[in-house]
């Protein structure tokens, strides 16, 4: 029996994954009640390394990244603002990229309906798997 070779995951031409939908937890919600849609194009391990596309309606909620979990994103369209607990805010629009580090807490605001590529690394999920 021949082992299958690893293959590239092409977000544009591969079959599109089914979307998952959620909303911010009520205890973290600050403004609106935005629907968030995630298309996970690639997942490795036990959910410890995920890549895909994420879209969201305008709204705001508190975020708290646990130790060992971080995210890289690249905005495709729309606009967001992320503020840390000290009040330092940064805005991101089409073409902008950012890393949200492990342990980060703050406010995530979708100013204009947004779509972004994401890569999430969760070392805690890797250890649990």
C-alpha atoms as a PDB file:
ATOM      1  CA  UNK A   1       0.000   0.000   0.000  1.00  0.00           C
ATOM      2  CA  UNK A   2       1.355   3.432  -0.942  1.00  0.00           C
ATOM      3  CA  UNK A   3       1.054   6.296   1.526  1.00  0.00           C
ATOM      4  CA  UNK A   4      -0.590   9.405   0.117  1.00  0.00           C
ATOM      5  CA  UNK A   5       1.653  12.394  -0.347  1.00  0.00           C
ATOM      6  CA  UNK A   6       0.875  15.699   1.356  1.00  0.00           C
ATOM      7  CA  UNK A   7      -0.810  18.115  -1.029  1.00  0.00           C
ATOM      8  CA  UNK A   8      -1.176  21.857  -1.230  1.00  0.00           C
ATOM      9  CA  UNK A   9      -4.386  23.521  -0.066  1.00  0.00           C
ATOM     10  CA  UNK A  10      -5.434  26.156  -2.583  1.00  0.00           C
ATOM     11  CA  UNK A  11      -8.128  28.470  -1.174  1.00  0.00           C
ATOM     12  CA  UNK A  12      -9.164  29.577  -4.683  1.00  0.00           C
ATOM     13  CA  UNK A  13      -9.462  26.317  -6.616  1.00  0.00           C
ATOM     14  CA  UNK A  14     -10.031  23.528  -4.068  1.00  0.00           C
ATOM     15  CA  UNK A  15     -13.577  22.604  -3.087  1.00  0.00           C
ATOM     16  CA  UNK A  16     -14.941  25.261  -0.746  1.00  0.00           C
ATOM     17  CA  UNK A  17     -15.449  24.086   2.853  1.00  0.00           C
ATOM     18  CA  UNK A  18     -18.857  24.368   4.463  1.00  0.00           C
ATOM     19  CA  UNK A  19     -19.134  27.522   6.563  1.00  0.00           C
ATOM     20  CA  UNK A  20     -19.678  27.519  10.309  1.00  0.00           C
ATOM     21  CA  UNK A  21     -21.613  30.358  11.928  1.00  0.00           C
ATOM     22  CA  UNK A  22     -21.512  31.796  15.423  1.00  0.00           C
ATOM     23  CA  UNK A  23     -21.960  35.014  17.370  1.00  0.00           C
ATOM     24  CA  UNK A  24     -19.951  36.511  20.252  1.00  0.00           C
ATOM     25  CA  UNK A  25     -20.685  35.097  23.678  1.00  0.00           C
ATOM     26  CA  UNK A  26     -23.277  37.274  25.459  1.00  0.00           C
ATOM     27  CA  UNK A  27     -20.889  37.956  28.369  1.00  0.00           C
ATOM     28  CA  UNK A  28     -18.328  39.425  25.915  1.00  0.00           C
ATOM     29  CA  UNK A  29     -20.707  41.318  23.635  1.00  0.00           C
ATOM     30  CA  UNK A  30     -20.248  45.124  23.602  1.00  0.00           C
ATOM     31  CA  UNK A  31     -22.207  46.323  20.547  1.00  0.00           C
ATOM     32  CA  UNK A  32     -24.569  44.682  18.063  1.00  0.00           C
ATOM     33  CA  UNK A  33     -24.860  40.900  17.798  1.00  0.00           C
ATOM     34  CA  UNK A  34     -22.799  40.192  14.672  1.00  0.00           C
ATOM     35  CA  UNK A  35     -22.889  36.905  12.838  1.00  0.00           C
ATOM     36  CA  UNK A  36     -19.407  35.493  12.268  1.00  0.00           C
ATOM     37  CA  UNK A  37     -18.789  33.030   9.429  1.00  0.00           C
ATOM     38  CA  UNK A  38     -15.720  30.797   9.195  1.00  0.00           C
ATOM     39  CA  UNK A  39     -14.546  28.696   6.266  1.00  0.00           C
ATOM     40  CA  UNK A  40     -11.714  26.455   7.555  1.00  0.00           C
ATOM     41  CA  UNK A  41      -9.729  25.488   4.473  1.00  0.00           C
ATOM     42  CA  UNK A  42      -6.984  23.639   6.359  1.00  0.00           C
ATOM     43  CA  UNK A  43      -6.777  22.066   9.789  1.00  0.00           C
ATOM     44  CA  UNK A  44      -3.918  20.023  11.223  1.00  0.00           C
ATOM     45  CA  UNK A  45      -3.722  18.055  14.435  1.00  0.00           C
ATOM     46  CA  UNK A  46      -6.590  18.396  16.898  1.00  0.00           C
ATOM     47  CA  UNK A  47      -7.553  21.930  15.894  1.00  0.00           C
ATOM     48  CA  UNK A  48      -4.140  23.253  16.869  1.00  0.00           C
ATOM     49  CA  UNK A  49      -3.357  24.786  13.452  1.00  0.00           C
ATOM     50  CA  UNK A  50      -6.261  26.168  11.407  1.00  0.00           C
ATOM     51  CA  UNK A  51      -6.288  28.363   8.295  1.00  0.00           C
ATOM     52  CA  UNK A  52      -9.118  29.826   6.303  1.00  0.00           C
ATOM     53  CA  UNK A  53     -11.370  32.774   5.674  1.00  0.00           C
ATOM     54  CA  UNK A  54     -13.438  34.589   8.309  1.00  0.00           C
ATOM     55  CA  UNK A  55     -16.192  37.138   7.721  1.00  0.00           C
ATOM     56  CA  UNK A  56     -18.216  39.226  10.161  1.00  0.00           C
ATOM     57  CA  UNK A  57     -20.927  41.876  10.311  1.00  0.00           C
ATOM     58  CA  UNK A  58     -20.356  45.129  12.234  1.00  0.00           C
ATOM     59  CA  UNK A  59     -20.308  44.842  16.025  1.00  0.00           C
ATOM     60  CA  UNK A  60     -17.902  44.690  18.967  1.00  0.00           C
ATOM     61  CA  UNK A  61     -16.908  42.185  21.652  1.00  0.00           C
ATOM     62  CA  UNK A  62     -14.167  41.558  24.181  1.00  0.00           C
ATOM     63  CA  UNK A  63     -11.456  39.085  23.219  1.00  0.00           C
ATOM     64  CA  UNK A  64      -9.131  37.125  25.488  1.00  0.00           C
ATOM     65  CA  UNK A  65      -6.525  34.907  23.857  1.00  0.00           C
ATOM     66  CA  UNK A  66      -5.363  32.157  26.209  1.00  0.00           C
ATOM     67  CA  UNK A  67      -1.691  31.292  26.721  1.00  0.00           C
ATOM     68  CA  UNK A  68      -0.431  29.316  23.742  1.00  0.00           C
ATOM     69  CA  UNK A  69      -3.042  30.572  21.241  1.00  0.00           C
ATOM     70  CA  UNK A  70      -2.217  33.234  18.666  1.00  0.00           C
ATOM     71  CA  UNK A  71      -3.579  34.386  15.325  1.00  0.00           C
ATOM     72  CA  UNK A  72      -2.172  35.919  12.169  1.00  0.00           C
ATOM     73  CA  UNK A  73      -4.687  37.610   9.889  1.00  0.00           C
ATOM     74  CA  UNK A  74      -4.725  39.529   6.611  1.00  0.00           C
ATOM     75  CA  UNK A  75      -7.730  41.734   5.832  1.00  0.00           C
ATOM     76  CA  UNK A  76      -9.285  41.133   2.403  1.00  0.00           C
ATOM     77  CA  UNK A  77     -12.110  43.668   2.675  1.00  0.00           C
ATOM     78  CA  UNK A  78     -13.819  45.806   5.316  1.00  0.00           C
ATOM     79  CA  UNK A  79     -12.369  47.459   8.407  1.00  0.00           C
ATOM     80  CA  UNK A  80     -11.699  46.442  12.017  1.00  0.00           C
ATOM     81  CA  UNK A  81     -10.271  48.083  15.123  1.00  0.00           C
ATOM     82  CA  UNK A  82      -8.507  46.172  17.901  1.00  0.00           C
ATOM     83  CA  UNK A  83      -7.845  47.878  21.236  1.00  0.00           C
ATOM     84  CA  UNK A  84      -5.792  46.445  24.067  1.00  0.00           C
ATOM     85  CA  UNK A  85      -6.823  46.777  27.713  1.00  0.00           C
ATOM     86  CA  UNK A  86      -4.578  49.850  28.045  1.00  0.00           C
ATOM     87  CA  UNK A  87      -6.682  51.612  25.390  1.00  0.00           C
ATOM     88  CA  UNK A  88      -4.129  51.474  22.562  1.00  0.00           C
ATOM     89  CA  UNK A  89      -6.142  50.989  19.329  1.00  0.00           C
ATOM     90  CA  UNK A  90      -5.098  49.978  15.823  1.00  0.00           C
ATOM     91  CA  UNK A  91      -7.289  49.892  12.715  1.00  0.00           C
ATOM     92  CA  UNK A  92      -6.879  47.428   9.862  1.00  0.00           C
ATOM     93  CA  UNK A  93      -8.318  47.527   6.344  1.00  0.00           C
ATOM     94  CA  UNK A  94      -7.761  45.802   2.997  1.00  0.00           C
ATOM     95  CA  UNK A  95      -4.169  44.644   2.608  1.00  0.00           C
ATOM     96  CA  UNK A  96      -3.289  45.094   6.309  1.00  0.00           C
ATOM     97  CA  UNK A  97      -1.969  42.202   8.396  1.00  0.00           C
ATOM     98  CA  UNK A  98      -1.507  41.638  12.117  1.00  0.00           C
ATOM     99  CA  UNK A  99      -0.651  39.046  14.757  1.00  0.00           C
ATOM    100  CA  UNK A 100      -2.777  38.787  17.898  1.00  0.00           C
ATOM    101  CA  UNK A 101      -0.361  37.290  20.447  1.00  0.00           C
ATOM    102  CA  UNK A 102      -1.065  34.698  23.106  1.00  0.00           C
ATOM    103  CA  UNK A 103      -2.400  36.289  26.289  1.00  0.00           C
ATOM    104  CA  UNK A 104      -3.813  39.364  24.488  1.00  0.00           C
ATOM    105  CA  UNK A 105      -6.998  40.850  25.947  1.00  0.00           C
ATOM    106  CA  UNK A 106      -8.972  43.745  24.575  1.00  0.00           C
ATOM    107  CA  UNK A 107     -11.788  44.855  22.320  1.00  0.00           C
ATOM    108  CA  UNK A 108     -12.418  43.618  18.758  1.00  0.00           C
ATOM    109  CA  UNK A 109     -14.602  45.951  16.681  1.00  0.00           C
ATOM    110  CA  UNK A 110     -15.869  45.329  13.161  1.00  0.00           C
ATOM    111  CA  UNK A 111     -16.362  48.829  11.772  1.00  0.00           C
ATOM    112  CA  UNK A 112     -17.344  47.716   8.233  1.00  0.00           C
ATOM    113  CA  UNK A 113     -18.340  44.158   7.297  1.00  0.00           C
ATOM    114  CA  UNK A 114     -14.997  42.370   7.148  1.00  0.00           C
ATOM    115  CA  UNK A 115     -13.473  39.380   5.404  1.00  0.00           C
ATOM    116  CA  UNK A 116      -9.988  38.161   6.296  1.00  0.00           C
ATOM    117  CA  UNK A 117      -7.607  35.263   5.865  1.00  0.00           C
ATOM    118  CA  UNK A 118      -6.604  33.755   9.198  1.00  0.00           C
ATOM    119  CA  UNK A 119      -4.054  31.357  10.632  1.00  0.00           C
ATOM    120  CA  UNK A 120      -4.597  30.225  14.236  1.00  0.00           C
ATOM    121  CA  UNK A 121      -1.955  28.321  16.172  1.00  0.00           C
ATOM    122  CA  UNK A 122      -3.190  26.805  19.442  1.00  0.00           C
ATOM    123  CA  UNK A 123      -0.393  25.046  21.312  1.00  0.00           C
ATOM    124  CA  UNK A 124      -2.765  24.097  24.177  1.00  0.00           C
ATOM    125  CA  UNK A 125      -4.948  22.117  21.726  1.00  0.00           C
ATOM    126  CA  UNK A 126      -1.817  20.390  20.412  1.00  0.00           C
ATOM    127  CA  UNK A 127      -0.818  19.319  23.936  1.00  0.00           C
ATOM    128  CA  UNK A 128      -4.363  18.127  24.722  1.00  0.00           C
ATOM    129  CA  UNK A 129      -4.514  16.014  21.530  1.00  0.00           C
END
